[in-house]
Protein backbone atom coordinates (compact mmCIF):
# COMPACT_ATOMS: atom_id res chain seq x y z
CA MET A 1 50.98 -80.69 -69.93
CA LEU A 2 53.26 -80.77 -66.90
CA ASN A 3 55.49 -77.90 -65.85
CA PRO A 4 59.24 -78.64 -65.39
CA ARG A 5 58.86 -79.10 -61.61
CA GLN A 6 56.00 -81.56 -62.03
CA GLY A 7 58.01 -83.34 -64.73
CA TYR A 8 60.84 -83.77 -62.24
CA LEU A 9 58.47 -85.06 -59.54
CA MET A 10 57.05 -87.62 -61.96
CA GLU A 11 60.56 -88.66 -63.06
CA VAL A 12 61.51 -89.29 -59.42
CA MET A 13 58.33 -91.24 -58.75
CA GLU A 14 58.69 -93.33 -61.91
CA ARG A 15 62.14 -94.38 -60.69
CA LEU A 16 61.28 -95.00 -57.04
CA ARG A 17 57.48 -95.52 -57.17
CA TYR A 18 56.63 -94.96 -53.49
CA LEU A 19 58.12 -92.37 -51.10
CA ARG A 20 57.35 -90.49 -47.96
CA LYS A 21 56.16 -87.01 -48.82
CA ASP A 22 59.04 -85.40 -46.88
CA GLN A 23 61.56 -87.38 -48.97
CA LEU A 24 60.10 -86.16 -52.25
CA GLN A 25 59.95 -82.64 -50.86
CA SER A 26 63.66 -82.83 -49.91
CA LEU A 27 64.62 -83.97 -53.41
CA PHE A 28 62.45 -81.19 -54.88
CA ALA A 29 64.15 -78.59 -52.66
CA LEU A 30 67.62 -79.76 -53.73
CA ARG A 31 66.68 -79.45 -57.40
CA PHE A 32 64.56 -76.29 -57.20
CA SER A 33 66.09 -74.21 -54.43
CA GLY A 34 63.92 -71.28 -53.48
CA LYS A 35 60.75 -72.85 -54.90
CA GLY A 36 59.81 -75.03 -51.93
CA SER A 37 56.45 -73.31 -51.56
CA LEU A 38 55.44 -74.65 -54.99
CA PHE A 39 55.94 -78.28 -53.95
CA GLN A 40 52.52 -78.63 -52.28
CA GLN A 41 50.79 -76.99 -55.24
CA ASP A 42 52.55 -79.26 -57.77
CA VAL A 43 51.79 -82.41 -55.77
CA ARG A 44 48.15 -81.39 -55.33
CA GLN A 45 47.81 -80.89 -59.10
CA LEU A 46 49.48 -84.25 -59.86
CA CYS A 47 47.10 -85.97 -57.44
CA TYR A 48 44.13 -84.21 -59.04
CA LEU A 49 45.31 -85.52 -62.44
CA ASN A 50 45.58 -89.04 -60.92
CA ARG A 51 49.28 -89.13 -61.78
CA LEU A 52 50.15 -89.47 -58.08
CA MET A 53 48.31 -90.86 -55.08
CA GLU A 54 48.69 -89.66 -51.49
CA ASN A 55 47.94 -91.63 -48.34
CA SER A 56 49.11 -91.20 -44.73
CA GLY A 57 52.16 -89.09 -45.56
CA PHE A 58 53.21 -91.22 -48.54
CA LEU A 59 53.15 -90.43 -52.24
CA PHE A 60 53.05 -93.19 -54.84
CA LEU A 61 52.21 -94.03 -58.41
CA PRO A 62 48.78 -95.63 -58.83
CA GLY A 63 48.95 -99.39 -58.35
CA ARG A 64 52.44 -99.43 -56.78
CA ARG A 65 53.29 -101.23 -53.57
CA ARG A 66 55.35 -99.86 -50.74
CA ASP A 67 58.94 -101.09 -50.39
CA ASP A 68 60.33 -100.06 -47.01
CA ASP A 69 63.89 -100.94 -48.10
CA VAL A 70 63.72 -98.41 -50.96
CA ILE A 71 62.24 -95.79 -48.62
CA ALA A 72 65.08 -96.40 -46.14
CA ALA A 73 67.66 -96.29 -48.95
CA VAL A 74 66.38 -92.85 -49.98
CA ASP A 75 66.92 -91.67 -46.39
CA VAL A 76 70.52 -92.90 -46.64
CA MET A 77 71.02 -91.11 -49.95
CA LEU A 78 69.66 -87.84 -48.58
CA GLN A 79 71.91 -88.06 -45.51
CA PHE A 80 74.99 -88.97 -47.55
CA ALA A 81 74.28 -86.26 -50.15
CA ALA A 82 74.47 -83.60 -47.41
CA GLY A 83 72.74 -80.89 -49.42
CA ARG A 84 73.98 -81.93 -52.88
CA ASP A 85 71.47 -82.79 -55.61
CA PRO A 86 71.95 -86.52 -56.33
CA GLU A 87 71.30 -88.32 -59.58
CA PHE A 88 69.79 -91.73 -58.85
CA THR A 89 68.03 -94.79 -60.11
CA ALA A 90 66.30 -97.77 -58.56
CA GLY A 91 68.68 -100.61 -57.85
CA HIS A 92 68.41 -104.23 -58.90
CA ASN A 93 68.62 -107.51 -57.00
CA ALA A 94 69.79 -106.80 -53.44
CA CYS A 95 70.82 -103.22 -54.26
CA LYS A 96 67.81 -101.00 -53.65
CA LEU A 97 69.21 -97.68 -54.86
CA ALA A 98 72.15 -96.43 -56.90
CA PHE A 99 73.06 -92.76 -56.73
CA PHE A 100 75.72 -90.41 -57.98
CA LEU A 101 77.15 -87.30 -56.33
CA THR A 102 79.38 -84.64 -57.84
CA GLY A 103 82.15 -83.42 -55.55
CA ALA A 104 83.57 -79.90 -55.32
CA ASP A 105 86.30 -80.99 -57.74
CA GLY A 106 83.70 -81.98 -60.34
CA LYS A 107 84.41 -85.70 -59.91
CA VAL A 108 81.33 -87.96 -59.91
CA SER A 109 81.21 -90.74 -57.31
CA ALA A 110 78.83 -93.70 -57.46
CA PHE A 111 77.16 -95.35 -54.47
CA LYS A 112 74.89 -98.37 -54.08
CA VAL A 113 72.69 -99.01 -51.04
CA TYR A 114 72.25 -102.61 -49.88
CA PRO A 115 69.85 -103.17 -46.97
CA VAL A 116 71.05 -106.02 -44.78
CA HIS A 117 68.45 -107.91 -42.76
CA MET A 118 69.65 -110.03 -39.84
CA GLY A 119 70.85 -113.45 -41.02
CA ARG A 120 71.32 -112.30 -44.65
CA GLU A 121 74.84 -110.90 -44.28
CA ALA A 122 76.67 -113.59 -46.30
CA ILE A 123 74.27 -113.50 -49.24
CA VAL A 124 74.21 -109.69 -49.38
CA SER A 125 78.02 -109.58 -49.26
CA ALA A 126 78.16 -112.07 -52.14
CA GLN A 127 75.62 -110.04 -54.13
CA ALA A 128 77.60 -106.84 -53.58
CA ASP A 129 80.80 -108.63 -54.70
CA ALA A 130 79.08 -109.92 -57.83
CA ASP A 131 78.20 -106.36 -58.92
CA THR A 132 81.01 -105.68 -61.36
CA GLY A 133 79.56 -102.53 -62.92
CA ARG A 134 81.09 -99.09 -62.66
CA ILE A 135 83.46 -98.46 -59.75
CA HIS A 136 81.25 -97.63 -56.79
CA THR A 137 81.10 -97.51 -53.01
CA VAL A 138 78.78 -99.99 -51.32
CA LEU A 139 76.65 -98.70 -48.45
CA PHE A 140 75.55 -101.64 -46.28
CA GLN A 141 72.46 -100.48 -44.40
CA ILE A 142 72.65 -102.57 -41.23
CA GLN A 143 70.22 -103.05 -38.37
CA ASP A 144 72.77 -103.72 -35.63
CA ARG A 145 76.52 -103.30 -35.03
CA SER A 146 76.80 -107.09 -34.58
CA GLN A 147 76.42 -107.38 -38.38
CA ILE A 148 79.65 -105.47 -39.10
CA PRO A 149 82.11 -108.39 -38.86
CA LEU A 150 79.81 -110.51 -41.05
CA LEU A 151 79.87 -108.16 -44.03
CA GLY A 152 82.43 -107.21 -46.63
CA THR A 153 83.10 -106.79 -50.33
CA ALA A 154 85.98 -106.11 -52.69
CA HIS A 155 84.43 -102.70 -53.41
CA PRO A 156 85.05 -99.75 -51.07
CA PHE A 157 82.27 -99.86 -48.48
CA HIS A 158 80.67 -98.16 -45.51
CA PHE A 159 78.17 -99.32 -42.95
CA VAL A 160 75.04 -97.23 -42.41
CA LEU A 161 73.39 -97.50 -39.03
CA TRP A 162 70.52 -95.53 -37.54
CA GLU A 163 71.22 -94.89 -33.86
CA ASP A 164 69.39 -92.46 -31.61
CA GLY A 165 67.45 -91.13 -34.59
CA ARG A 166 70.65 -90.25 -36.45
CA CYS A 167 72.25 -91.82 -39.47
CA ARG A 168 75.84 -92.91 -38.82
CA PHE A 169 78.31 -93.84 -41.53
CA LEU A 170 81.10 -96.20 -40.46
CA LYS A 171 83.95 -96.86 -42.88
CA GLY A 172 84.42 -100.54 -43.70
CA VAL A 173 87.82 -102.17 -43.69
CA PRO A 174 88.46 -104.68 -46.51
């Protein structure tokens, strides 16, 4: 029988499958403020029960493979959330992560993270345009500023770029 914190950790891992330990700890801290010291204990117990595996600073479900694009998308979500507790789910196709944030006014905003590898700008733009689900903001996670003029979508969008160890969000112009 899992406690509520462990249940949350397993829910996160079932959605995302493979994360850096610091990412899972950040999500835990947003959900269970003031209980950060229990994170290590809960993870240790889940590993003992073979519900989670730990290796070189990563936590994962048994038998799951690492997806660096999902791991990077979680970094984007945590930066964009800026201390708010996001609701999220694994993405599909080119979208690696969809997440939802509630603003101070109570309004829920949806975001989808699309990693963009060099040379894939046109196809990722087309995939983002084809996503006709709920109104959302596209976050194109780019590798270089030279990709900016090659990307766009009918949805509101931002570019996400890691520079000098910091995540920068640049508003896209349709």
